[in-house]
Amino acid sequence: MMTSFRMSMRTFCLAVSAMLCYGTAFAQRQTIVTQEIDTTEVRTSKQDKRMHNLFIVILPSAAVAYGFVSLGSHALSDVDRKAKYEFSQEHPHSKATFDDYLQFAPGAAVFALSASGVKGKNNIVDQGGVYILSNLFLNVFCQGVKNITSVTRPDGSSNSFPSGHAAEAFASAEFLRREYGDRSIAYGITGYTSAAVVGYFRMYNNKHWLSDVVAGAGVGILSTEAAYLLYPKVRKLFTKKQKSNAMAFPTYNHGSYGLAFRAVF
């Protein structure tokens, strides 16, 4: 049991490390979205495309799949229970609460940097749009799955799967990497490190199983990627296009009311 638990924890740490190393390295060469959310295709080699797809699709999807498989797998459930024993019973400790705030730190860093004049991929308005859309995706998914699965938390409370804190933390970390990864790999490293800390402390606080955290991490990353993909389309729906330079307006002249029409050709 101890061996399987350690192997699973090692796998989780390696997966986070792989996301960190690949994401920060690839950010140096990748151009994703311009200030206007430009949809022009970026020319990359076939190898870069395969690596990109590995990061943004396969790894997070595998993390989500791991979580769902654990719901019906005795072996993975045993790993969850062993993790609970290691965190809350073998090594008793007081609970920490800073993970409630740390989950938002990478996202807050994006807006703080943008407001202070450090230019990211997008302006602060579009950053806000992407962030809101990402949070919409992850919250709808997480809350929906929580209500359907009704997994009991390690501390006995309800709606454990998947971890919303982990989803938010990793969504924010990917948001920070996408916006500022080209400027310095430190942004991606910092964001994903803080997200991993949040995931660790959800288990440390006896609030989530290991599988909850792994699945939440995948959901968060995929939510941010989906937001960047779909935001240009959503933005167009709310952007009013000026069809002409004509306008009508009321007039008043010596007690007489009228309507004036002005057009520029």
C-alpha atoms as a PDB file:
ATOM      1  CA  MET A   1       0.000   0.000   0.000  1.00  0.00           C
ATOM      2  CA  MET A   2       2.796   2.386   0.911  1.00  0.00           C
ATOM      3  CA  THR A   3       4.554   1.608  -2.380  1.00  0.00           C
ATOM      4  CA  SER A   4       1.435   2.285  -4.472  1.00  0.00           C
ATOM      5  CA  PHE A   5       0.802   5.528  -2.615  1.00  0.00           C
ATOM      6  CA  ARG A   6       4.340   6.753  -3.143  1.00  0.00           C
ATOM      7  CA  MET A   7       4.231   5.767  -6.811  1.00  0.00           C
ATOM      8  CA  SER A   8       1.001   7.715  -7.302  1.00  0.00           C
ATOM      9  CA  MET A   9       2.364  10.774  -5.508  1.00  0.00           C
ATOM     10  CA  ARG A  10       5.528  10.526  -7.578  1.00  0.00           C
ATOM     11  CA  THR A  11       3.434  10.298 -10.748  1.00  0.00           C
ATOM     12  CA  PHE A  12       1.416  13.358  -9.713  1.00  0.00           C
ATOM     13  CA  CYS A  13       4.580  15.352  -8.985  1.00  0.00           C
ATOM     14  CA  LEU A  14       6.150  14.265 -12.266  1.00  0.00           C
ATOM     15  CA  ALA A  15       3.010  15.294 -14.165  1.00  0.00           C
ATOM     16  CA  VAL A  16       3.047  18.742 -12.563  1.00  0.00           C
ATOM     17  CA  SER A  17       6.767  19.038 -13.285  1.00  0.00           C
ATOM     18  CA  ALA A  18       6.200  18.038 -16.901  1.00  0.00           C
ATOM     19  CA  MET A  19       3.511  20.723 -17.248  1.00  0.00           C
ATOM     20  CA  LEU A  20       5.861  23.241 -15.689  1.00  0.00           C
ATOM     21  CA  CYS A  21       8.923  22.387 -17.740  1.00  0.00           C
ATOM     22  CA  TYR A  22       7.135  22.062 -21.059  1.00  0.00           C
ATOM     23  CA  GLY A  23       4.818  25.023 -20.600  1.00  0.00           C
ATOM     24  CA  THR A  24       7.531  27.469 -19.617  1.00  0.00           C
ATOM     25  CA  ALA A  25       9.943  26.280 -22.306  1.00  0.00           C
ATOM     26  CA  PHE A  26       7.337  26.301 -25.056  1.00  0.00           C
ATOM     27  CA  ALA A  27       6.210  29.790 -24.074  1.00  0.00           C
ATOM     28  CA  GLN A  28       9.518  31.148 -25.285  1.00  0.00           C
ATOM     29  CA  ARG A  29       8.706  30.192 -28.861  1.00  0.00           C
ATOM     30  CA  GLN A  30       4.939  30.343 -28.945  1.00  0.00           C
ATOM     31  CA  THR A  31       2.791  33.264 -30.087  1.00  0.00           C
ATOM     32  CA  ILE A  32      -0.782  32.584 -29.053  1.00  0.00           C
ATOM     33  CA  VAL A  33      -3.073  35.594 -28.907  1.00  0.00           C
ATOM     34  CA  THR A  34      -2.314  39.220 -29.712  1.00  0.00           C
ATOM     35  CA  GLN A  35      -3.766  42.273 -27.965  1.00  0.00           C
ATOM     36  CA  GLU A  36      -6.834  42.020 -30.174  1.00  0.00           C
ATOM     37  CA  ILE A  37      -7.098  38.229 -29.740  1.00  0.00           C
ATOM     38  CA  ASP A  38      -5.795  37.777 -33.248  1.00  0.00           C
ATOM     39  CA  THR A  39      -6.899  34.479 -34.777  1.00  0.00           C
ATOM     40  CA  THR A  40      -4.128  34.354 -37.373  1.00  0.00           C
ATOM     41  CA  GLU A  41      -2.568  30.928 -37.366  1.00  0.00           C
ATOM     42  CA  VAL A  42       0.917  30.694 -35.974  1.00  0.00           C
ATOM     43  CA  ARG A  43       3.368  28.773 -38.095  1.00  0.00           C
ATOM     44  CA  THR A  44       5.113  26.132 -36.073  1.00  0.00           C
ATOM     45  CA  SER A  45       6.908  22.923 -36.920  1.00  0.00           C
ATOM     46  CA  LYS A  46       5.083  19.614 -36.745  1.00  0.00           C
ATOM     47  CA  GLN A  47       7.115  18.698 -33.699  1.00  0.00           C
ATOM     48  CA  ASP A  48       6.091  21.877 -31.895  1.00  0.00           C
ATOM     49  CA  LYS A  49       2.445  21.198 -32.689  1.00  0.00           C
ATOM     50  CA  ARG A  50       2.684  17.684 -31.304  1.00  0.00           C
ATOM     51  CA  MET A  51       4.346  18.997 -28.136  1.00  0.00           C
ATOM     52  CA  HIS A  52       1.722  21.714 -27.827  1.00  0.00           C
ATOM     53  CA  ASN A  53      -1.116  19.221 -28.156  1.00  0.00           C
ATOM     54  CA  LEU A  54       0.585  16.973 -25.602  1.00  0.00           C
ATOM     55  CA  PHE A  55       0.582  19.780 -23.078  1.00  0.00           C
ATOM     56  CA  ILE A  56      -2.802  21.398 -23.573  1.00  0.00           C
ATOM     57  CA  VAL A  57      -4.850  18.296 -24.364  1.00  0.00           C
ATOM     58  CA  ILE A  58      -3.311  14.964 -23.450  1.00  0.00           C
ATOM     59  CA  LEU A  59      -1.821  15.651 -20.007  1.00  0.00           C
ATOM     60  CA  PRO A  60      -4.809  17.572 -18.566  1.00  0.00           C
ATOM     61  CA  SER A  61      -7.239  15.113 -20.147  1.00  0.00           C
ATOM     62  CA  ALA A  62      -5.308  12.218 -18.634  1.00  0.00           C
ATOM     63  CA  ALA A  63      -5.524  13.934 -15.242  1.00  0.00           C
ATOM     64  CA  VAL A  64      -9.306  14.261 -15.555  1.00  0.00           C
ATOM     65  CA  ALA A  65      -9.577  10.658 -16.742  1.00  0.00           C
ATOM     66  CA  TYR A  66      -7.537   9.488 -13.747  1.00  0.00           C
ATOM     67  CA  GLY A  67     -10.023  11.158 -11.437  1.00  0.00           C
ATOM     68  CA  PHE A  68     -13.053   9.576 -13.084  1.00  0.00           C
ATOM     69  CA  VAL A  69     -11.449   6.136 -13.216  1.00  0.00           C
ATOM     70  CA  SER A  70     -10.683   6.384  -9.498  1.00  0.00           C
ATOM     71  CA  LEU A  71     -14.426   6.600  -8.779  1.00  0.00           C
ATOM     72  CA  GLY A  72     -14.816   2.967  -9.802  1.00  0.00           C
ATOM     73  CA  SER A  73     -11.348   1.589  -9.187  1.00  0.00           C
ATOM     74  CA  HIS A  74     -10.589  -0.157  -5.895  1.00  0.00           C
ATOM     75  CA  ALA A  75      -6.853   0.184  -6.494  1.00  0.00           C
ATOM     76  CA  LEU A  76      -6.994   3.966  -6.992  1.00  0.00           C
ATOM     77  CA  SER A  77      -9.482   4.336  -4.143  1.00  0.00           C
ATOM     78  CA  ASP A  78      -6.996   2.563  -1.908  1.00  0.00           C
ATOM     79  CA  VAL A  79      -4.374   5.098  -2.970  1.00  0.00           C
ATOM     80  CA  ASP A  80      -6.769   7.905  -1.997  1.00  0.00           C
ATOM     81  CA  ARG A  81      -7.364   6.348   1.404  1.00  0.00           C
ATOM     82  CA  LYS A  82      -3.658   5.839   1.969  1.00  0.00           C
ATOM     83  CA  ALA A  83      -3.018   9.478   1.115  1.00  0.00           C
ATOM     84  CA  LYS A  84      -5.645  10.504   3.664  1.00  0.00           C
ATOM     85  CA  TYR A  85      -3.979   8.333   6.280  1.00  0.00           C
ATOM     86  CA  GLU A  86      -0.567   9.833   5.537  1.00  0.00           C
ATOM     87  CA  PHE A  87      -1.818  13.415   5.684  1.00  0.00           C
ATOM     88  CA  SER A  88      -4.391  13.441   8.477  1.00  0.00           C
ATOM     89  CA  GLN A  89      -3.848  10.425  10.687  1.00  0.00           C
ATOM     90  CA  GLU A  90      -0.211   9.396  10.663  1.00  0.00           C
ATOM     91  CA  HIS A  91       0.933  12.998  10.914  1.00  0.00           C
ATOM     92  CA  PRO A  92      -1.763  15.020  12.764  1.00  0.00           C
ATOM     93  CA  HIS A  93      -1.530  18.765  12.314  1.00  0.00           C
ATOM     94  CA  SER A  94      -3.547  21.956  12.459  1.00  0.00           C
ATOM     95  CA  LYS A  95      -5.369  23.042   9.317  1.00  0.00           C
ATOM     96  CA  ALA A  96      -4.174  25.871   7.061  1.00  0.00           C
ATOM     97  CA  THR A  97      -6.497  28.292   5.276  1.00  0.00           C
ATOM     98  CA  PHE A  98      -4.212  30.220   2.934  1.00  0.00           C
ATOM     99  CA  ASP A  99      -5.038  27.848   0.061  1.00  0.00           C
ATOM    100  CA  ASP A 100      -8.467  29.522  -0.054  1.00  0.00           C
ATOM    101  CA  TYR A 101      -6.680  32.672  -1.250  1.00  0.00           C
ATOM    102  CA  LEU A 102      -3.614  31.246  -2.980  1.00  0.00           C
ATOM    103  CA  GLN A 103      -5.815  29.629  -5.629  1.00  0.00           C
ATOM    104  CA  PHE A 104      -6.512  33.088  -7.069  1.00  0.00           C
ATOM    105  CA  ALA A 105      -2.939  34.405  -6.820  1.00  0.00           C
ATOM    106  CA  PRO A 106      -1.734  33.680 -10.403  1.00  0.00           C
ATOM    107  CA  GLY A 107      -4.873  35.251 -11.873  1.00  0.00           C
ATOM    108  CA  ALA A 108      -4.563  38.286  -9.615  1.00  0.00           C
ATOM    109  CA  ALA A 109      -0.916  38.599 -10.683  1.00  0.00           C
ATOM    110  CA  VAL A 110      -1.986  38.912 -14.323  1.00  0.00           C
ATOM    111  CA  PHE A 111      -4.254  41.867 -13.613  1.00  0.00           C
ATOM    112  CA  ALA A 112      -1.732  43.478 -11.265  1.00  0.00           C
ATOM    113  CA  LEU A 113       0.997  43.238 -13.899  1.00  0.00           C
ATOM    114  CA  SER A 114      -1.291  44.552 -16.630  1.00  0.00           C
ATOM    115  CA  ALA A 115      -2.520  47.445 -14.472  1.00  0.00           C
ATOM    116  CA  SER A 116       1.062  48.395 -13.624  1.00  0.00           C
ATOM    117  CA  GLY A 117       1.969  48.669 -17.300  1.00  0.00           C
ATOM    118  CA  VAL A 118       3.611  45.286 -17.905  1.00  0.00           C
ATOM    119  CA  LYS A 119       2.209  44.271 -21.275  1.00  0.00           C
ATOM    120  CA  GLY A 120       0.889  40.739 -21.628  1.00  0.00           C
ATOM    121  CA  LYS A 121      -0.527  38.933 -24.636  1.00  0.00           C
ATOM    122  CA  ASN A 122      -3.766  40.871 -24.344  1.00  0.00           C
ATOM    123  CA  ASN A 123      -5.041  44.110 -22.909  1.00  0.00           C
ATOM    124  CA  ILE A 124      -6.610  44.059 -19.474  1.00  0.00           C
ATOM    125  CA  VAL A 125     -10.180  44.058 -20.828  1.00  0.00           C
ATOM    126  CA  ASP A 126      -9.583  40.946 -22.922  1.00  0.00           C
ATOM    127  CA  GLN A 127      -7.673  39.360 -20.069  1.00  0.00           C
ATOM    128  CA  GLY A 128     -10.751  39.849 -17.935  1.00  0.00           C
ATOM    129  CA  GLY A 129     -12.929  38.286 -20.612  1.00  0.00           C
ATOM    130  CA  VAL A 130     -10.724  35.209 -20.886  1.00  0.00           C
ATOM    131  CA  TYR A 131     -10.516  34.832 -17.106  1.00  0.00           C
ATOM    132  CA  ILE A 132     -14.279  35.110 -16.633  1.00  0.00           C
ATOM    133  CA  LEU A 133     -14.931  32.586 -19.407  1.00  0.00           C
ATOM    134  CA  SER A 134     -12.382  30.168 -17.951  1.00  0.00           C
ATOM    135  CA  ASN A 135     -13.990  30.424 -14.510  1.00  0.00           C
ATOM    136  CA  LEU A 136     -17.417  29.917 -16.035  1.00  0.00           C
ATOM    137  CA  PHE A 137     -16.271  26.680 -17.673  1.00  0.00           C
ATOM    138  CA  LEU A 138     -14.530  25.258 -14.614  1.00  0.00           C
ATOM    139  CA  ASN A 139     -17.284  26.186 -12.158  1.00  0.00           C
ATOM    140  CA  VAL A 140     -20.091  24.783 -14.299  1.00  0.00           C
ATOM    141  CA  PHE A 141     -18.152  21.562 -14.812  1.00  0.00           C
ATOM    142  CA  CYS A 142     -16.980  21.160 -11.227  1.00  0.00           C
ATOM    143  CA  GLN A 143     -20.318  21.977  -9.610  1.00  0.00           C
ATOM    144  CA  GLY A 144     -22.194  19.780 -12.059  1.00  0.00           C
ATOM    145  CA  VAL A 145     -19.916  16.793 -11.483  1.00  0.00           C
ATOM    146  CA  LYS A 146     -19.906  17.356  -7.710  1.00  0.00           C
ATOM    147  CA  ASN A 147     -23.699  17.178  -7.621  1.00  0.00           C
ATOM    148  CA  ILE A 148     -23.818  14.098  -9.843  1.00  0.00           C
ATOM    149  CA  THR A 149     -21.086  12.051  -8.163  1.00  0.00           C
ATOM    150  CA  SER A 150     -21.716  13.179  -4.550  1.00  0.00           C
ATOM    151  CA  VAL A 151     -18.354  11.858  -3.386  1.00  0.00           C
ATOM    152  CA  THR A 152     -17.788  12.198   0.362  1.00  0.00           C
ATOM    153  CA  ARG A 153     -14.749  14.254   1.339  1.00  0.00           C
ATOM    154  CA  PRO A 154     -12.018  12.800   3.552  1.00  0.00           C
ATOM    155  CA  ASP A 155     -13.346  14.898   6.459  1.00  0.00           C
ATOM    156  CA  GLY A 156     -16.857  13.494   6.011  1.00  0.00           C
ATOM    157  CA  SER A 157     -18.467  16.482   4.257  1.00  0.00           C
ATOM    158  CA  SER A 158     -20.024  16.255   0.799  1.00  0.00           C
ATOM    159  CA  ASN A 159     -19.257  17.015  -2.848  1.00  0.00           C
ATOM    160  CA  SER A 160     -15.560  16.204  -2.963  1.00  0.00           C
ATOM    161  CA  PHE A 161     -14.946  15.338  -6.631  1.00  0.00           C
ATOM    162  CA  PRO A 162     -13.334  17.184  -8.345  1.00  0.00           C
ATOM    163  CA  SER A 163     -11.411  19.804  -6.352  1.00  0.00           C
ATOM    164  CA  GLY A 164     -12.667  23.272  -7.226  1.00  0.00           C
ATOM    165  CA  HIS A 165      -9.686  24.859  -5.480  1.00  0.00           C
ATOM    166  CA  ALA A 166      -7.253  22.854  -7.601  1.00  0.00           C
ATOM    167  CA  ALA A 167      -9.218  23.668 -10.751  1.00  0.00           C
ATOM    168  CA  GLU A 168      -9.126  27.388  -9.989  1.00  0.00           C
ATOM    169  CA  ALA A 169      -5.433  27.303  -9.057  1.00  0.00           C
ATOM    170  CA  PHE A 170      -4.319  25.499 -12.216  1.00  0.00           C
ATOM    171  CA  ALA A 171      -6.635  27.557 -14.427  1.00  0.00           C
ATOM    172  CA  SER A 172      -5.070  30.706 -12.985  1.00  0.00           C
ATOM    173  CA  ALA A 173      -1.569  29.282 -13.387  1.00  0.00           C
ATOM    174  CA  GLU A 174      -2.161  28.538 -17.066  1.00  0.00           C
ATOM    175  CA  PHE A 175      -3.721  31.992 -17.478  1.00  0.00           C
ATOM    176  CA  LEU A 176      -0.543  33.568 -16.086  1.00  0.00           C
ATOM    177  CA  ARG A 177       1.647  31.421 -18.331  1.00  0.00           C
ATOM    178  CA  ARG A 178      -0.360  32.230 -21.435  1.00  0.00           C
ATOM    179  CA  GLU A 179      -0.247  35.973 -20.792  1.00  0.00           C
ATOM    180  CA  TYR A 180       3.326  36.415 -19.554  1.00  0.00           C
ATOM    181  CA  GLY A 181       5.218  33.220 -20.355  1.00  0.00           C
ATOM    182  CA  ASP A 182       6.876  34.856 -23.349  1.00  0.00           C
ATOM    183  CA  ARG A 183       8.378  37.554 -21.152  1.00  0.00           C
ATOM    184  CA  SER A 184       9.974  35.175 -18.658  1.00  0.00           C
ATOM    185  CA  ILE A 185       9.749  31.503 -17.767  1.00  0.00           C
ATOM    186  CA  ALA A 186       9.596  32.633 -14.135  1.00  0.00           C
ATOM    187  CA  TYR A 187       5.920  33.530 -14.556  1.00  0.00           C
ATOM    188  CA  GLY A 188       4.960  30.006 -15.582  1.00  0.00           C
ATOM    189  CA  ILE A 189       7.119  28.420 -12.907  1.00  0.00           C
ATOM    190  CA  THR A 190       5.686  30.657 -10.204  1.00  0.00           C
ATOM    191  CA  GLY A 191       2.080  30.100 -11.294  1.00  0.00           C
ATOM    192  CA  TYR A 192       2.307  26.325 -11.480  1.00  0.00           C
ATOM    193  CA  THR A 193       4.274  26.091  -8.254  1.00  0.00           C
ATOM    194  CA  SER A 194       1.556  27.995  -6.393  1.00  0.00           C
ATOM    195  CA  ALA A 195      -1.094  25.772  -8.013  1.00  0.00           C
ATOM    196  CA  ALA A 196       0.749  22.627  -6.886  1.00  0.00           C
ATOM    197  CA  VAL A 197       0.937  24.052  -3.351  1.00  0.00           C
ATOM    198  CA  VAL A 198      -2.838  24.593  -3.374  1.00  0.00           C
ATOM    199  CA  GLY A 199      -3.381  20.993  -4.486  1.00  0.00           C
ATOM    200  CA  TYR A 200      -1.077  19.713  -1.761  1.00  0.00           C
ATOM    201  CA  PHE A 201      -2.820  21.677   0.955  1.00  0.00           C
ATOM    202  CA  ARG A 202      -6.281  20.503  -0.125  1.00  0.00           C
ATOM    203  CA  MET A 203      -5.077  17.031   0.854  1.00  0.00           C
ATOM    204  CA  TYR A 204      -3.124  18.342   3.842  1.00  0.00           C
ATOM    205  CA  ASN A 205      -6.312  19.976   5.172  1.00  0.00           C
ATOM    206  CA  ASN A 206      -8.207  16.696   4.700  1.00  0.00           C
ATOM    207  CA  LYS A 207     -10.591  18.404   2.263  1.00  0.00           C
ATOM    208  CA  HIS A 208      -9.874  16.364  -0.848  1.00  0.00           C
ATOM    209  CA  TRP A 209      -8.669  13.001  -2.046  1.00  0.00           C
ATOM    210  CA  LEU A 210      -5.628  12.758  -4.294  1.00  0.00           C
ATOM    211  CA  SER A 211      -7.849  11.897  -7.269  1.00  0.00           C
ATOM    212  CA  ASP A 212      -9.947  15.046  -6.629  1.00  0.00           C
ATOM    213  CA  VAL A 213      -6.853  17.216  -6.898  1.00  0.00           C
ATOM    214  CA  VAL A 214      -5.468  15.486  -9.989  1.00  0.00           C
ATOM    215  CA  ALA A 215      -8.807  15.789 -11.803  1.00  0.00           C
ATOM    216  CA  GLY A 216      -9.254  19.400 -10.682  1.00  0.00           C
ATOM    217  CA  ALA A 217      -5.830  20.317 -12.063  1.00  0.00           C
ATOM    218  CA  GLY A 218      -6.766  18.894 -15.456  1.00  0.00           C
ATOM    219  CA  VAL A 219     -10.145  20.637 -15.477  1.00  0.00           C
ATOM    220  CA  GLY A 220      -8.517  23.978 -14.653  1.00  0.00           C
ATOM    221  CA  ILE A 221      -5.939  23.834 -17.438  1.00  0.00           C
ATOM    222  CA  LEU A 222      -8.476  22.682 -20.018  1.00  0.00           C
ATOM    223  CA  SER A 223     -10.885  25.449 -18.946  1.00  0.00           C
ATOM    224  CA  THR A 224      -8.284  28.134 -19.598  1.00  0.00           C
ATOM    225  CA  GLU A 225      -7.325  26.605 -22.944  1.00  0.00           C
ATOM    226  CA  ALA A 226     -10.997  26.453 -23.944  1.00  0.00           C
ATOM    227  CA  ALA A 227     -11.431  30.082 -22.886  1.00  0.00           C
ATOM    228  CA  TYR A 228      -8.581  31.241 -25.127  1.00  0.00           C
ATOM    229  CA  LEU A 229     -10.001  29.209 -28.001  1.00  0.00           C
ATOM    230  CA  LEU A 230     -13.584  30.430 -27.689  1.00  0.00           C
ATOM    231  CA  TYR A 231     -13.178  33.975 -26.380  1.00  0.00           C
ATOM    232  CA  PRO A 232     -12.687  35.552 -29.840  1.00  0.00           C
ATOM    233  CA  LYS A 233     -16.045  34.095 -30.920  1.00  0.00           C
ATOM    234  CA  VAL A 234     -17.795  35.167 -27.724  1.00  0.00           C
ATOM    235  CA  ARG A 235     -16.305  38.634 -28.010  1.00  0.00           C
ATOM    236  CA  LYS A 236     -17.720  39.070 -31.505  1.00  0.00           C
ATOM    237  CA  LEU A 237     -21.203  38.369 -30.196  1.00  0.00           C
ATOM    238  CA  PHE A 238     -20.949  41.357 -27.860  1.00  0.00           C
ATOM    239  CA  THR A 239     -19.100  43.686 -30.210  1.00  0.00           C
ATOM    240  CA  LYS A 240     -21.443  45.965 -32.107  1.00  0.00           C
ATOM    241  CA  LYS A 241     -20.313  46.511 -35.638  1.00  0.00           C
ATOM    242  CA  GLN A 242     -20.934  49.930 -37.087  1.00  0.00           C
ATOM    243  CA  LYS A 243     -22.899  49.330 -40.263  1.00  0.00           C
ATOM    244  CA  SER A 244     -22.959  52.903 -41.491  1.00  0.00           C
ATOM    245  CA  ASN A 245     -22.004  56.453 -40.619  1.00  0.00           C
ATOM    246  CA  ALA A 246     -25.629  57.620 -40.547  1.00  0.00           C
ATOM    247  CA  MET A 247     -27.426  58.820 -37.444  1.00  0.00           C
ATOM    248  CA  ALA A 248     -30.710  60.497 -36.484  1.00  0.00           C
ATOM    249  CA  PHE A 249     -31.231  62.866 -33.565  1.00  0.00           C
ATOM    250  CA  PRO A 250     -34.020  65.144 -32.245  1.00  0.00           C
ATOM    251  CA  THR A 251     -33.868  68.932 -32.745  1.00  0.00           C
ATOM    252  CA  TYR A 252     -35.476  71.991 -31.144  1.00  0.00           C
ATOM    253  CA  ASN A 253     -35.630  75.431 -32.753  1.00  0.00           C
ATOM    254  CA  HIS A 254     -37.744  78.354 -31.483  1.00  0.00           C
ATOM    255  CA  GLY A 255     -40.432  76.164 -29.950  1.00  0.00           C
ATOM    256  CA  SER A 256     -40.510  73.639 -32.800  1.00  0.00           C
ATOM    257  CA  TYR A 257     -39.451  70.060 -32.396  1.00  0.00           C
ATOM    258  CA  GLY A 258     -38.067  68.021 -35.243  1.00  0.00           C
ATOM    259  CA  LEU A 259     -35.851  65.157 -36.275  1.00  0.00           C
ATOM    260  CA  ALA A 260     -32.562  65.615 -38.073  1.00  0.00           C
ATOM    261  CA  PHE A 261     -30.753  63.023 -40.124  1.00  0.00           C
ATOM    262  CA  ARG A 262     -27.009  63.063 -40.771  1.00  0.00           C
ATOM    263  CA  ALA A 263     -25.043  60.774 -43.030  1.00  0.00           C
ATOM    264  CA  VAL A 264     -21.441  60.719 -44.136  1.00  0.00           C
ATOM    265  CA  PHE A 265     -20.645  59.138 -47.497  1.00  0.00           C
END
